[in-house]
Amino acid sequence: AKCSPSVVQPWGVPQPLRACARCTAPVVQAPDAARRLVQLEYRLRGTDGDGRPRAPSWPVPGCDAAEERSIEEAVEMVEMAAHVAEEARAVAALRADRADCVARAECERREALLAKAAEVKESICEVGQTLKSACEECYSLARPFDDIVAENVEADRWAVRLGADRVAAQRRGGGGGTGGPGAP
């Protein structure tokens, strides 16, 4: 770089490179970035299903050899954790779609049942109207008989008297009647 008279020999680079403080600042920040990536990987891994966080795939910052990890290793771990998180999100989306399909099917089934219930209710009401009409027709057919019964009350009394007279005549031994219709 033309911004500095200083030179730095990075590991794996055959020739020294010119660098200033501004150009080398990211290198100084690399351990902190690696630590933050480890923490991000830990968060991305989520939980084991029982609510407890899963163990990280490598030590958490401040423990053991976390400081020794390179940025590349930290990025790889975060990428793997992100891949797992993406798969979990895809599975969750599939489950949500399935639940949505089940809910729609249940709604359609409920609507079909409600429609069927409305049809049955209408049929029952029609049967009720038919029965009501039939009862009214029966009553209208029976009304003339009410008049006939009222007219024949006297005939019934006469028949009862005739029967009583015959019984009395038989007791007397005469066998006669009152001389009404059908009398001997």
Protein backbone atom coordinates (compact mmCIF):
# COMPACT_ATOMS: atom_id res chain seq x y z
CA ALA A 1 0.00 0.00 0.00
CA LYS A 2 1.25 3.47 -0.77
CA CYS A 3 -0.18 4.85 2.49
CA SER A 4 2.67 3.58 4.67
CA PRO A 5 6.44 3.28 4.64
CA SER A 6 6.09 0.25 6.98
CA VAL A 7 6.09 -3.31 5.77
CA VAL A 8 4.43 -6.45 7.17
CA GLN A 9 5.19 -10.07 6.25
CA PRO A 10 1.82 -11.96 6.58
CA TRP A 11 2.04 -15.66 7.22
CA GLY A 12 2.00 -17.61 3.98
CA VAL A 13 2.89 -14.60 1.81
CA PRO A 14 6.39 -14.82 0.30
CA GLN A 15 7.11 -11.09 0.18
CA PRO A 16 6.62 -8.34 2.76
CA LEU A 17 3.71 -5.96 2.14
CA ARG A 18 3.46 -2.28 2.96
CA ALA A 19 0.82 -1.50 5.61
CA CYS A 20 -0.33 1.40 7.76
CA ALA A 21 -2.17 1.35 11.11
CA ARG A 22 -5.50 1.85 9.35
CA CYS A 23 -4.80 -1.05 6.96
CA THR A 24 -3.76 -3.42 9.76
CA ALA A 25 -6.60 -2.52 12.18
CA PRO A 26 -8.78 -5.43 10.95
CA VAL A 27 -5.97 -7.85 11.79
CA VAL A 28 -5.86 -6.55 15.33
CA GLN A 29 -9.64 -6.94 15.56
CA ALA A 30 -9.55 -10.54 14.28
CA PRO A 31 -9.46 -12.27 17.71
CA ASP A 32 -12.45 -10.24 18.85
CA ALA A 33 -14.27 -11.05 15.59
CA ALA A 34 -13.48 -14.75 16.06
CA ARG A 35 -14.86 -14.58 19.61
CA ARG A 36 -18.05 -12.91 18.39
CA LEU A 37 -18.44 -15.51 15.65
CA VAL A 38 -18.13 -18.29 18.22
CA GLN A 39 -20.85 -16.64 20.30
CA LEU A 40 -23.03 -16.29 17.20
CA GLU A 41 -22.51 -19.95 16.34
CA TYR A 42 -23.52 -20.86 19.89
CA ARG A 43 -26.72 -18.81 19.57
CA LEU A 44 -27.53 -20.20 16.11
CA ARG A 45 -27.32 -23.77 17.35
CA GLY A 46 -30.40 -23.17 19.46
CA THR A 47 -31.57 -25.62 22.10
CA ASP A 48 -31.71 -29.39 22.48
CA GLY A 49 -35.50 -29.34 22.68
CA ASP A 50 -35.61 -29.36 26.46
CA GLY A 51 -35.00 -25.61 26.66
CA ARG A 52 -31.30 -25.89 27.53
CA PRO A 53 -28.80 -24.46 25.02
CA ARG A 54 -26.85 -26.98 22.99
CA ALA A 55 -23.19 -27.25 23.68
CA PRO A 56 -21.09 -25.33 21.16
CA SER A 57 -19.13 -27.32 18.63
CA TRP A 58 -15.97 -25.77 20.03
CA PRO A 59 -15.09 -23.80 23.18
CA VAL A 60 -16.93 -20.62 24.08
CA PRO A 61 -14.82 -17.44 24.32
CA GLY A 62 -12.99 -17.16 27.58
CA CYS A 63 -12.79 -20.95 27.91
CA ASP A 64 -9.96 -23.22 26.83
CA ALA A 65 -8.61 -22.60 23.34
CA ALA A 66 -11.31 -20.39 21.85
CA GLU A 67 -8.77 -17.66 21.31
CA GLU A 68 -6.73 -20.03 19.18
CA ARG A 69 -9.42 -20.45 16.53
CA SER A 70 -8.89 -18.63 13.31
CA ILE A 71 -11.44 -16.41 11.65
CA GLU A 72 -11.87 -19.06 8.93
CA GLU A 73 -12.68 -21.74 11.52
CA ALA A 74 -15.13 -19.42 13.26
CA VAL A 75 -16.82 -18.54 9.96
CA GLU A 76 -17.05 -22.24 9.04
CA MET A 77 -18.69 -23.02 12.36
CA VAL A 78 -21.16 -20.16 11.96
CA GLU A 79 -21.94 -21.28 8.41
CA MET A 80 -22.64 -24.83 9.63
CA ALA A 81 -24.83 -23.52 12.42
CA ALA A 82 -26.64 -21.25 9.96
CA HIS A 83 -27.20 -24.25 7.67
CA VAL A 84 -28.74 -26.18 10.56
CA ALA A 85 -30.88 -23.15 11.42
CA GLU A 86 -32.01 -22.86 7.78
CA GLU A 87 -32.95 -26.55 7.76
CA ALA A 88 -34.87 -26.11 11.00
CA ARG A 89 -36.65 -23.11 9.50
CA ALA A 90 -37.53 -25.15 6.39
CA VAL A 91 -38.88 -27.98 8.55
CA ALA A 92 -40.88 -25.46 10.59
CA ALA A 93 -42.26 -23.95 7.37
CA LEU A 94 -43.30 -27.41 6.16
CA ARG A 95 -45.00 -28.09 9.48
CA ALA A 96 -46.74 -24.74 9.31
CA ASP A 97 -47.91 -25.47 5.75
CA ARG A 98 -49.17 -28.88 6.84
CA ALA A 99 -50.99 -27.37 9.80
CA ASP A 100 -52.48 -24.76 7.48
CA CYS A 101 -53.70 -27.50 5.11
CA VAL A 102 -55.21 -29.45 8.00
CA ALA A 103 -56.91 -26.30 9.28
CA ARG A 104 -58.32 -25.51 5.82
CA ALA A 105 -59.59 -29.08 5.45
CA GLU A 106 -61.24 -28.86 8.87
CA CYS A 107 -62.87 -25.55 7.91
CA GLU A 108 -64.16 -27.05 4.66
CA ARG A 109 -65.45 -30.09 6.55
CA ARG A 110 -67.15 -27.86 9.10
CA GLU A 111 -68.77 -25.79 6.34
CA ALA A 112 -69.98 -28.98 4.64
CA LEU A 113 -71.46 -30.22 7.93
CA LEU A 114 -73.17 -26.88 8.51
CA ALA A 115 -74.63 -27.00 4.98
CA LYS A 116 -75.85 -30.56 5.57
CA ALA A 117 -77.35 -29.53 8.91
CA ALA A 118 -79.20 -26.68 7.18
CA GLU A 119 -80.55 -29.14 4.57
CA VAL A 120 -81.70 -31.55 7.30
CA LYS A 121 -83.35 -28.70 9.20
CA GLU A 122 -85.17 -27.60 6.06
CA SER A 123 -86.31 -31.19 5.42
CA ILE A 124 -87.58 -31.50 8.99
CA CYS A 125 -89.49 -28.23 8.62
CA GLU A 126 -91.03 -29.49 5.36
CA VAL A 127 -92.07 -32.75 7.07
CA GLY A 128 -93.58 -30.70 9.90
CA GLN A 129 -95.57 -28.60 7.42
CA THR A 130 -96.75 -31.77 5.64
CA LEU A 131 -97.87 -33.28 8.96
CA LYS A 132 -99.64 -30.06 9.90
CA SER A 133 -101.48 -30.04 6.57
CA ALA A 134 -102.40 -33.72 6.98
CA CYS A 135 -103.74 -33.09 10.50
CA GLU A 136 -105.79 -30.14 9.31
CA GLU A 137 -107.20 -32.27 6.48
CA CYS A 138 -108.07 -35.06 8.94
CA TYR A 139 -109.82 -32.56 11.20
CA SER A 140 -111.76 -31.13 8.26
CA LEU A 141 -112.81 -34.66 7.26
CA ALA A 142 -113.89 -35.47 10.82
CA ARG A 143 -115.97 -32.30 11.38
CA PRO A 144 -119.06 -33.60 9.52
CA PHE A 145 -119.05 -36.65 11.80
CA ASP A 146 -119.32 -34.35 14.80
CA ASP A 147 -122.68 -33.17 13.41
CA ILE A 148 -123.82 -36.75 12.73
CA VAL A 149 -123.01 -37.79 16.28
CA ALA A 150 -124.98 -34.84 17.67
CA GLU A 151 -128.01 -35.71 15.47
CA ASN A 152 -127.98 -39.35 16.50
CA VAL A 153 -127.97 -38.74 20.23
CA GLU A 154 -131.76 -39.23 20.26
CA ALA A 155 -131.42 -42.43 18.23
CA ASP A 156 -128.90 -43.71 20.73
CA ARG A 157 -131.29 -42.95 23.61
CA TRP A 158 -134.07 -44.75 21.77
CA ALA A 159 -131.79 -47.78 21.24
CA VAL A 160 -130.92 -47.86 24.92
CA ARG A 161 -134.63 -47.65 25.84
CA LEU A 162 -135.43 -50.38 23.33
CA GLY A 163 -132.77 -52.62 24.77
CA ALA A 164 -134.04 -52.01 28.28
CA ASP A 165 -137.63 -52.73 27.18
CA ARG A 166 -136.60 -56.02 25.57
CA VAL A 167 -134.73 -57.09 28.66
CA ALA A 168 -137.78 -56.28 30.79
CA ALA A 169 -140.07 -58.17 28.41
CA GLN A 170 -137.86 -61.19 28.49
CA ARG A 171 -137.93 -61.20 32.25
CA ARG A 172 -141.67 -61.07 32.20
CA GLY A 173 -141.63 -63.83 29.67
CA GLY A 174 -143.52 -61.95 27.06
CA GLY A 175 -140.67 -61.42 24.66
CA GLY A 176 -142.29 -58.26 23.25
CA GLY A 177 -140.85 -54.88 22.65
CA THR A 178 -141.95 -51.33 22.32
CA GLY A 179 -142.94 -51.67 18.74
CA GLY A 180 -140.08 -49.57 17.39
CA PRO A 181 -138.06 -50.38 14.33
CA GLY A 182 -136.96 -53.98 14.21
CA ALA A 183 -139.51 -54.98 16.90
CA PRO A 184 -141.16 -58.43 16.48
